[in-house]
Amino acid sequence: MQLLCSEMATNDFVQAVFITKGHASSVVLYNNDQMKDLKRFCGKNALESLRSVLCIDRKFNVSCLFAMVTVFVQKVQ
């Protein structure tokens, strides 16, 4: 967790680390290009020909961690 916290200053992929007493720690990972694509393909202003559905995969176990993944299909014109 300390490594992840220190990565926030230099790594564009690590956006947030939440450590709360009594709750599981959470880390938010994405880069600006991924967020732009999400808005372009899944946002309310997305072109009809490019529009995609955003899916959220439920949590799954990765070693001692749990991951929740968002995905969408990028359509090709």
PDB file of N, CA and C in Angstrom:
ATOM      1  N   MET A   1       0.835  -1.187   0.000  1.00  0.00           N
ATOM      2  CA  MET A   1       0.000   0.000   0.000  1.00  0.00           C
ATOM      3  C   MET A   1       0.878   1.248   0.000  1.00  0.00           C
ATOM      4  N   GLN A   2       1.989   1.201   0.724  1.00  0.00           N
ATOM      5  CA  GLN A   2       2.884   2.356   0.716  1.00  0.00           C
ATOM      6  C   GLN A   2       3.448   2.598  -0.678  1.00  0.00           C
ATOM      7  N   LEU A   3       3.786   1.513  -1.362  1.00  0.00           N
ATOM      8  CA  LEU A   3       4.305   1.650  -2.720  1.00  0.00           C
ATOM      9  C   LEU A   3       3.256   2.280  -3.634  1.00  0.00           C
ATOM     10  N   LEU A   4       2.022   1.817  -3.530  1.00  0.00           N
ATOM     11  CA  LEU A   4       0.955   2.397  -4.349  1.00  0.00           C
ATOM     12  C   LEU A   4       0.754   3.874  -4.046  1.00  0.00           C
ATOM     13  N   CYS A   5       0.783   4.232  -2.771  1.00  0.00           N
ATOM     14  CA  CYS A   5       0.634   5.649  -2.398  1.00  0.00           C
ATOM     15  C   CYS A   5       1.758   6.490  -2.992  1.00  0.00           C
ATOM     16  N   SER A   6       2.976   5.971  -2.956  1.00  0.00           N
ATOM     17  CA  SER A   6       4.100   6.732  -3.511  1.00  0.00           C
ATOM     18  C   SER A   6       4.014   6.800  -5.035  1.00  0.00           C
ATOM     19  N   GLU A   7       3.436   5.785  -5.681  1.00  0.00           N
ATOM     20  CA  GLU A   7       3.292   5.773  -7.134  1.00  0.00           C
ATOM     21  C   GLU A   7       2.337   6.850  -7.638  1.00  0.00           C
ATOM     22  N   MET A   8       1.417   7.311  -6.817  1.00  0.00           N
ATOM     23  CA  MET A   8       0.455   8.330  -7.260  1.00  0.00           C
ATOM     24  C   MET A   8       1.158   9.599  -7.722  1.00  0.00           C
ATOM     25  N   ALA A   9       2.315   9.900  -7.161  1.00  0.00           N
ATOM     26  CA  ALA A   9       3.026  11.123  -7.533  1.00  0.00           C
ATOM     27  C   ALA A   9       3.686  11.023  -8.899  1.00  0.00           C
ATOM     28  N   THR A  10       4.054   9.807  -9.319  1.00  0.00           N
ATOM     29  CA  THR A  10       4.834   9.675 -10.549  1.00  0.00           C
ATOM     30  C   THR A  10       4.194   8.802 -11.621  1.00  0.00           C
ATOM     31  N   ASN A  11       3.225   7.984 -11.259  1.00  0.00           N
ATOM     32  CA  ASN A  11       2.634   7.030 -12.206  1.00  0.00           C
ATOM     33  C   ASN A  11       1.247   7.518 -12.623  1.00  0.00           C
ATOM     34  N   ASP A  12       1.070   7.782 -13.913  1.00  0.00           N
ATOM     35  CA  ASP A  12      -0.208   8.298 -14.425  1.00  0.00           C
ATOM     36  C   ASP A  12      -1.348   7.287 -14.306  1.00  0.00           C
ATOM     37  N   PHE A  13      -1.031   6.014 -14.097  1.00  0.00           N
ATOM     38  CA  PHE A  13      -2.041   4.961 -14.028  1.00  0.00           C
ATOM     39  C   PHE A  13      -2.688   4.862 -12.641  1.00  0.00           C
ATOM     40  N   VAL A  14      -1.953   5.201 -11.605  1.00  0.00           N
ATOM     41  CA  VAL A  14      -2.473   5.123 -10.234  1.00  0.00           C
ATOM     42  C   VAL A  14      -3.165   6.448  -9.920  1.00  0.00           C
ATOM     43  N   GLN A  15      -4.502   6.420  -9.808  1.00  0.00           N
ATOM     44  CA  GLN A  15      -5.283   7.638  -9.609  1.00  0.00           C
ATOM     45  C   GLN A  15      -5.631   7.898  -8.148  1.00  0.00           C
ATOM     46  N   ALA A  16      -5.900   6.849  -7.380  1.00  0.00           N
ATOM     47  CA  ALA A  16      -6.312   7.046  -5.986  1.00  0.00           C
ATOM     48  C   ALA A  16      -6.064   5.773  -5.182  1.00  0.00           C
ATOM     49  N   VAL A  17      -5.760   5.973  -3.917  1.00  0.00           N
ATOM     50  CA  VAL A  17      -5.630   4.874  -2.962  1.00  0.00           C
ATOM     51  C   VAL A  17      -6.456   5.254  -1.748  1.00  0.00           C
ATOM     52  N   PHE A  18      -7.385   4.379  -1.361  1.00  0.00           N
ATOM     53  CA  PHE A  18      -8.252   4.628  -0.216  1.00  0.00           C
ATOM     54  C   PHE A  18      -7.949   3.602   0.865  1.00  0.00           C
ATOM     55  N   ILE A  19      -7.572   4.089   2.026  1.00  0.00           N
ATOM     56  CA  ILE A  19      -7.313   3.226   3.170  1.00  0.00           C
ATOM     57  C   ILE A  19      -8.200   3.721   4.302  1.00  0.00           C
ATOM     58  N   THR A  20      -9.170   2.894   4.689  1.00  0.00           N
ATOM     59  CA  THR A  20     -10.136   3.286   5.702  1.00  0.00           C
ATOM     60  C   THR A  20     -10.213   2.195   6.769  1.00  0.00           C
ATOM     61  N   LYS A  21     -10.112   2.593   7.998  1.00  0.00           N
ATOM     62  CA  LYS A  21     -10.174   1.634   9.100  1.00  0.00           C
ATOM     63  C   LYS A  21     -11.492   0.865   9.051  1.00  0.00           C
ATOM     64  N   GLY A  22     -11.393  -0.465   9.162  1.00  0.00           N
ATOM     65  CA  GLY A  22     -12.575  -1.306   9.168  1.00  0.00           C
ATOM     66  C   GLY A  22     -13.100  -1.677   7.796  1.00  0.00           C
ATOM     67  N   HIS A  23     -12.436  -1.214   6.725  1.00  0.00           N
ATOM     68  CA  HIS A  23     -12.871  -1.518   5.354  1.00  0.00           C
ATOM     69  C   HIS A  23     -11.673  -2.002   4.541  1.00  0.00           C
ATOM     70  N   ALA A  24     -11.959  -2.732   3.493  1.00  0.00           N
ATOM     71  CA  ALA A  24     -10.896  -3.162   2.590  1.00  0.00           C
ATOM     72  C   ALA A  24     -10.321  -1.949   1.872  1.00  0.00           C
ATOM     73  N   SER A  25      -9.027  -1.953   1.656  1.00  0.00           N
ATOM     74  CA  SER A  25      -8.383  -0.863   0.918  1.00  0.00           C
ATOM     75  C   SER A  25      -8.811  -0.913  -0.537  1.00  0.00           C
ATOM     76  N   SER A  26      -8.828   0.237  -1.194  1.00  0.00           N
ATOM     77  CA  SER A  26      -9.231   0.323  -2.605  1.00  0.00           C
ATOM     78  C   SER A  26      -8.211   1.133  -3.379  1.00  0.00           C
ATOM     79  N   VAL A  27      -7.996   0.735  -4.621  1.00  0.00           N
ATOM     80  CA  VAL A  27      -7.084   1.448  -5.507  1.00  0.00           C
ATOM     81  C   VAL A  27      -7.820   1.689  -6.819  1.00  0.00           C
ATOM     82  N   VAL A  28      -7.745   2.907  -7.336  1.00  0.00           N
ATOM     83  CA  VAL A  28      -8.376   3.259  -8.609  1.00  0.00           C
ATOM     84  C   VAL A  28      -7.253   3.430  -9.639  1.00  0.00           C
ATOM     85  N   LEU A  29      -7.343   2.632 -10.716  1.00  0.00           N
ATOM     86  CA  LEU A  29      -6.302   2.626 -11.742  1.00  0.00           C
ATOM     87  C   LEU A  29      -6.898   2.928 -13.113  1.00  0.00           C
ATOM     88  N   TYR A  30      -6.391   3.944 -13.781  1.00  0.00           N
ATOM     89  CA  TYR A  30      -6.731   4.255 -15.173  1.00  0.00           C
ATOM     90  C   TYR A  30      -5.811   5.362 -15.629  1.00  0.00           C
ATOM     91  N   ASN A  31      -5.703   5.548 -16.939  1.00  0.00           N
ATOM     92  CA  ASN A  31      -4.947   6.709 -17.430  1.00  0.00           C
ATOM     93  C   ASN A  31      -5.892   7.629 -18.198  1.00  0.00           C
ATOM     94  N   ASN A  32      -5.431   8.795 -18.520  1.00  0.00           N
ATOM     95  CA  ASN A  32      -6.289   9.809 -19.156  1.00  0.00           C
ATOM     96  C   ASN A  32      -6.814   9.354 -20.519  1.00  0.00           C
ATOM     97  N   ASP A  33      -6.005   8.622 -21.286  1.00  0.00           N
ATOM     98  CA  ASP A  33      -6.465   8.129 -22.589  1.00  0.00           C
ATOM     99  C   ASP A  33      -7.620   7.149 -22.427  1.00  0.00           C
ATOM    100  N   GLN A  34      -7.559   6.303 -21.409  1.00  0.00           N
ATOM    101  CA  GLN A  34      -8.652   5.369 -21.161  1.00  0.00           C
ATOM    102  C   GLN A  34      -9.940   6.114 -20.802  1.00  0.00           C
ATOM    103  N   MET A  35      -9.827   7.158 -20.024  1.00  0.00           N
ATOM    104  CA  MET A  35     -11.012   7.926 -19.644  1.00  0.00           C
ATOM    105  C   MET A  35     -11.591   8.670 -20.845  1.00  0.00           C
ATOM    106  N   LYS A  36     -10.736   9.198 -21.711  1.00  0.00           N
ATOM    107  CA  LYS A  36     -11.212   9.864 -22.931  1.00  0.00           C
ATOM    108  C   LYS A  36     -11.973   8.878 -23.815  1.00  0.00           C
ATOM    109  N   ASP A  37     -11.424   7.656 -23.964  1.00  0.00           N
ATOM    110  CA  ASP A  37     -12.103   6.635 -24.769  1.00  0.00           C
ATOM    111  C   ASP A  37     -13.439   6.255 -24.147  1.00  0.00           C
ATOM    112  N   LEU A  38     -13.483   6.137 -22.840  1.00  0.00           N
ATOM    113  CA  LEU A  38     -14.728   5.798 -22.157  1.00  0.00           C
ATOM    114  C   LEU A  38     -15.801   6.842 -22.445  1.00  0.00           C
ATOM    115  N   LYS A  39     -15.441   8.106 -22.350  1.00  0.00           N
ATOM    116  CA  LYS A  39     -16.394   9.180 -22.636  1.00  0.00           C
ATOM    117  C   LYS A  39     -16.788   9.195 -24.112  1.00  0.00           C
ATOM    118  N   ARG A  40     -15.803   8.955 -24.989  1.00  0.00           N
ATOM    119  CA  ARG A  40     -16.073   9.003 -26.435  1.00  0.00           C
ATOM    120  C   ARG A  40     -16.991   7.878 -26.882  1.00  0.00           C
ATOM    121  N   PHE A  41     -16.846   6.683 -26.310  1.00  0.00           N
ATOM    122  CA  PHE A  41     -17.616   5.528 -26.768  1.00  0.00           C
ATOM    123  C   PHE A  41     -18.830   5.214 -25.905  1.00  0.00           C
ATOM    124  N   CYS A  42     -18.833   5.630 -24.657  1.00  0.00           N
ATOM    125  CA  CYS A  42     -19.930   5.257 -23.755  1.00  0.00           C
ATOM    126  C   CYS A  42     -20.693   6.460 -23.203  1.00  0.00           C
ATOM    127  N   GLY A  43     -20.235   7.654 -23.478  1.00  0.00           N
ATOM    128  CA  GLY A  43     -20.886   8.848 -22.956  1.00  0.00           C
ATOM    129  C   GLY A  43     -22.173   9.183 -23.688  1.00  0.00           C
ATOM    130  N   LYS A  44     -22.959  10.063 -23.085  1.00  0.00           N
ATOM    131  CA  LYS A  44     -24.248  10.419 -23.681  1.00  0.00           C
ATOM    132  C   LYS A  44     -24.089  11.151 -25.013  1.00  0.00           C
ATOM    133  N   ASN A  45     -22.931  11.752 -25.261  1.00  0.00           N
ATOM    134  CA  ASN A  45     -22.701  12.475 -26.511  1.00  0.00           C
ATOM    135  C   ASN A  45     -21.975  11.630 -27.555  1.00  0.00           C
ATOM    136  N   ALA A  46     -21.818  10.322 -27.294  1.00  0.00           N
ATOM    137  CA  ALA A  46     -21.127   9.438 -28.240  1.00  0.00           C
ATOM    138  C   ALA A  46     -21.937   9.339 -29.537  1.00  0.00           C
ATOM    139  N   LEU A  47     -21.234   9.321 -30.649  1.00  0.00           N
ATOM    140  CA  LEU A  47     -21.901   9.139 -31.935  1.00  0.00           C
ATOM    141  C   LEU A  47     -22.604   7.789 -31.940  1.00  0.00           C
ATOM    142  N   GLU A  48     -23.787   7.746 -32.529  1.00  0.00           N
ATOM    143  CA  GLU A  48     -24.574   6.508 -32.560  1.00  0.00           C
ATOM    144  C   GLU A  48     -23.783   5.362 -33.187  1.00  0.00           C
ATOM    145  N   SER A  49     -23.011   5.667 -34.219  1.00  0.00           N
ATOM    146  CA  SER A  49     -22.250   4.618 -34.918  1.00  0.00           C
ATOM    147  C   SER A  49     -21.093   4.079 -34.082  1.00  0.00           C
ATOM    148  N   LEU A  50     -20.669   4.825 -33.047  1.00  0.00           N
ATOM    149  CA  LEU A  50     -19.553   4.408 -32.201  1.00  0.00           C
ATOM    150  C   LEU A  50     -19.988   3.971 -30.807  1.00  0.00           C
ATOM    151  N   ARG A  51     -21.241   4.220 -30.463  1.00  0.00           N
ATOM    152  CA  ARG A  51     -21.719   4.009 -29.095  1.00  0.00           C
ATOM    153  C   ARG A  51     -21.554   2.557 -28.648  1.00  0.00           C
ATOM    154  N   SER A  52     -21.117   2.396 -27.416  1.00  0.00           N
ATOM    155  CA  SER A  52     -20.905   1.071 -26.844  1.00  0.00           C
ATOM    156  C   SER A  52     -21.502   1.029 -25.443  1.00  0.00           C
ATOM    157  N   VAL A  53     -21.713  -0.171 -24.941  1.00  0.00           N
ATOM    158  CA  VAL A  53     -22.241  -0.369 -23.596  1.00  0.00           C
ATOM    159  C   VAL A  53     -21.074  -0.573 -22.640  1.00  0.00           C
ATOM    160  N   LEU A  54     -21.106   0.108 -21.522  1.00  0.00           N
ATOM    161  CA  LEU A  54     -20.089  -0.068 -20.486  1.00  0.00           C
ATOM    162  C   LEU A  54     -20.521  -1.222 -19.595  1.00  0.00           C
ATOM    163  N   CYS A  55     -19.648  -2.182 -19.421  1.00  0.00           N
ATOM    164  CA  CYS A  55     -19.934  -3.339 -18.559  1.00  0.00           C
ATOM    165  C   CYS A  55     -19.007  -3.318 -17.357  1.00  0.00           C
ATOM    166  N   ILE A  56     -19.532  -3.696 -16.225  1.00  0.00           N
ATOM    167  CA  ILE A  56     -18.722  -3.785 -15.012  1.00  0.00           C
ATOM    168  C   ILE A  56     -18.685  -5.244 -14.594  1.00  0.00           C
ATOM    169  N   ASP A  57     -17.497  -5.834 -14.676  1.00  0.00           N
ATOM    170  CA  ASP A  57     -17.328  -7.214 -14.238  1.00  0.00           C
ATOM    171  C   ASP A  57     -17.280  -7.240 -12.723  1.00  0.00           C
ATOM    172  N   ARG A  58     -18.060  -8.130 -12.145  1.00  0.00           N
ATOM    173  CA  ARG A  58     -18.089  -8.202 -10.692  1.00  0.00           C
ATOM    174  C   ARG A  58     -16.709  -8.553 -10.168  1.00  0.00           C
ATOM    175  N   LYS A  59     -16.541  -8.364  -8.905  1.00  0.00           N
ATOM    176  CA  LYS A  59     -15.242  -8.614  -8.282  1.00  0.00           C
ATOM    177  C   LYS A  59     -14.809 -10.062  -8.461  1.00  0.00           C
ATOM    178  N   PHE A  60     -13.526 -10.265  -8.712  1.00  0.00           N
ATOM    179  CA  PHE A  60     -12.984 -11.604  -8.722  1.00  0.00           C
ATOM    180  C   PHE A  60     -11.647 -11.599  -8.002  1.00  0.00           C
ATOM    181  N   ASN A  61     -11.290 -12.738  -7.472  1.00  0.00           N
ATOM    182  CA  ASN A  61     -10.118 -12.868  -6.626  1.00  0.00           C
ATOM    183  C   ASN A  61      -8.854 -12.965  -7.473  1.00  0.00           C
ATOM    184  N   VAL A  62      -7.873 -12.114  -7.176  1.00  0.00           N
ATOM    185  CA  VAL A  62      -6.563 -12.155  -7.809  1.00  0.00           C
ATOM    186  C   VAL A  62      -5.563 -12.274  -6.670  1.00  0.00           C
ATOM    187  N   SER A  63      -5.162 -13.493  -6.373  1.00  0.00           N
ATOM    188  CA  SER A  63      -4.286 -13.765  -5.231  1.00  0.00           C
ATOM    189  C   SER A  63      -4.994 -13.305  -3.965  1.00  0.00           C
ATOM    190  N   CYS A  64      -4.388 -12.395  -3.210  1.00  0.00           N
ATOM    191  CA  CYS A  64      -5.022 -11.916  -1.982  1.00  0.00           C
ATOM    192  C   CYS A  64      -5.823 -10.633  -2.218  1.00  0.00           C
ATOM    193  N   LEU A  65      -5.971 -10.240  -3.472  1.00  0.00           N
ATOM    194  CA  LEU A  65      -6.695  -9.018  -3.821  1.00  0.00           C
ATOM    195  C   LEU A  65      -7.977  -9.351  -4.574  1.00  0.00           C
ATOM    196  N   PHE A  66      -8.879  -8.391  -4.623  1.00  0.00           N
ATOM    197  CA  PHE A  66     -10.087  -8.511  -5.425  1.00  0.00           C
ATOM    198  C   PHE A  66     -10.052  -7.414  -6.476  1.00  0.00           C
ATOM    199  N   ALA A  67     -10.514  -7.726  -7.672  1.00  0.00           N
ATOM    200  CA  ALA A  67     -10.513  -6.753  -8.765  1.00  0.00           C
ATOM    201  C   ALA A  67     -11.918  -6.595  -9.322  1.00  0.00           C
ATOM    202  N   MET A  68     -12.260  -5.357  -9.681  1.00  0.00           N
ATOM    203  CA  MET A  68     -13.505  -5.064 -10.384  1.00  0.00           C
ATOM    204  C   MET A  68     -13.090  -4.336 -11.658  1.00  0.00           C
ATOM    205  N   VAL A  69     -13.473  -4.872 -12.793  1.00  0.00           N
ATOM    206  CA  VAL A  69     -12.990  -4.376 -14.079  1.00  0.00           C
ATOM    207  C   VAL A  69     -14.151  -3.817 -14.882  1.00  0.00           C
ATOM    208  N   THR A  70     -13.921  -2.680 -15.548  1.00  0.00           N
ATOM    209  CA  THR A  70     -14.908  -2.138 -16.479  1.00  0.00           C
ATOM    210  C   THR A  70     -14.400  -2.375 -17.898  1.00  0.00           C
ATOM    211  N   VAL A  71     -15.319  -2.705 -18.812  1.00  0.00           N
ATOM    212  CA  VAL A  71     -14.938  -2.987 -20.192  1.00  0.00           C
ATOM    213  C   VAL A  71     -15.998  -2.426 -21.147  1.00  0.00           C
ATOM    214  N   PHE A  72     -15.575  -2.147 -22.376  1.00  0.00           N
ATOM    215  CA  PHE A  72     -16.497  -1.793 -23.443  1.00  0.00           C
ATOM    216  C   PHE A  72     -15.867  -2.202 -24.756  1.00  0.00           C
ATOM    217  N   VAL A  73     -16.682  -2.361 -25.783  1.00  0.00           N
ATOM    218  CA  VAL A  73     -16.197  -2.760 -27.095  1.00  0.00           C
ATOM    219  C   VAL A  73     -16.023  -1.513 -27.938  1.00  0.00           C
ATOM    220  N   GLN A  74     -14.824  -1.329 -28.476  1.00  0.00           N
ATOM    221  CA  GLN A  74     -14.578  -0.191 -29.357  1.00  0.00           C
ATOM    222  C   GLN A  74     -14.963  -0.596 -30.764  1.00  0.00           C
ATOM    223  N   LYS A  75     -15.984   0.052 -31.306  1.00  0.00           N
ATOM    224  CA  LYS A  75     -16.437  -0.268 -32.661  1.00  0.00           C
ATOM    225  C   LYS A  75     -15.536   0.420 -33.683  1.00  0.00           C
ATOM    226  N   VAL A  76     -15.328  -0.252 -34.775  1.00  0.00           N
ATOM    227  CA  VAL A  76     -14.502   0.297 -35.854  1.00  0.00           C
ATOM    228  C   VAL A  76     -15.423   0.803 -36.949  1.00  0.00           C
ATOM    229  N   GLN A  77     -15.145   2.011 -37.425  1.00  0.00           N
ATOM    230  CA  GLN A  77     -15.967   2.575 -38.496  1.00  0.00           C
ATOM    231  C   GLN A  77     -15.502   2.088 -39.828  1.00  0.00           C
TER     232      GLN A  77
END
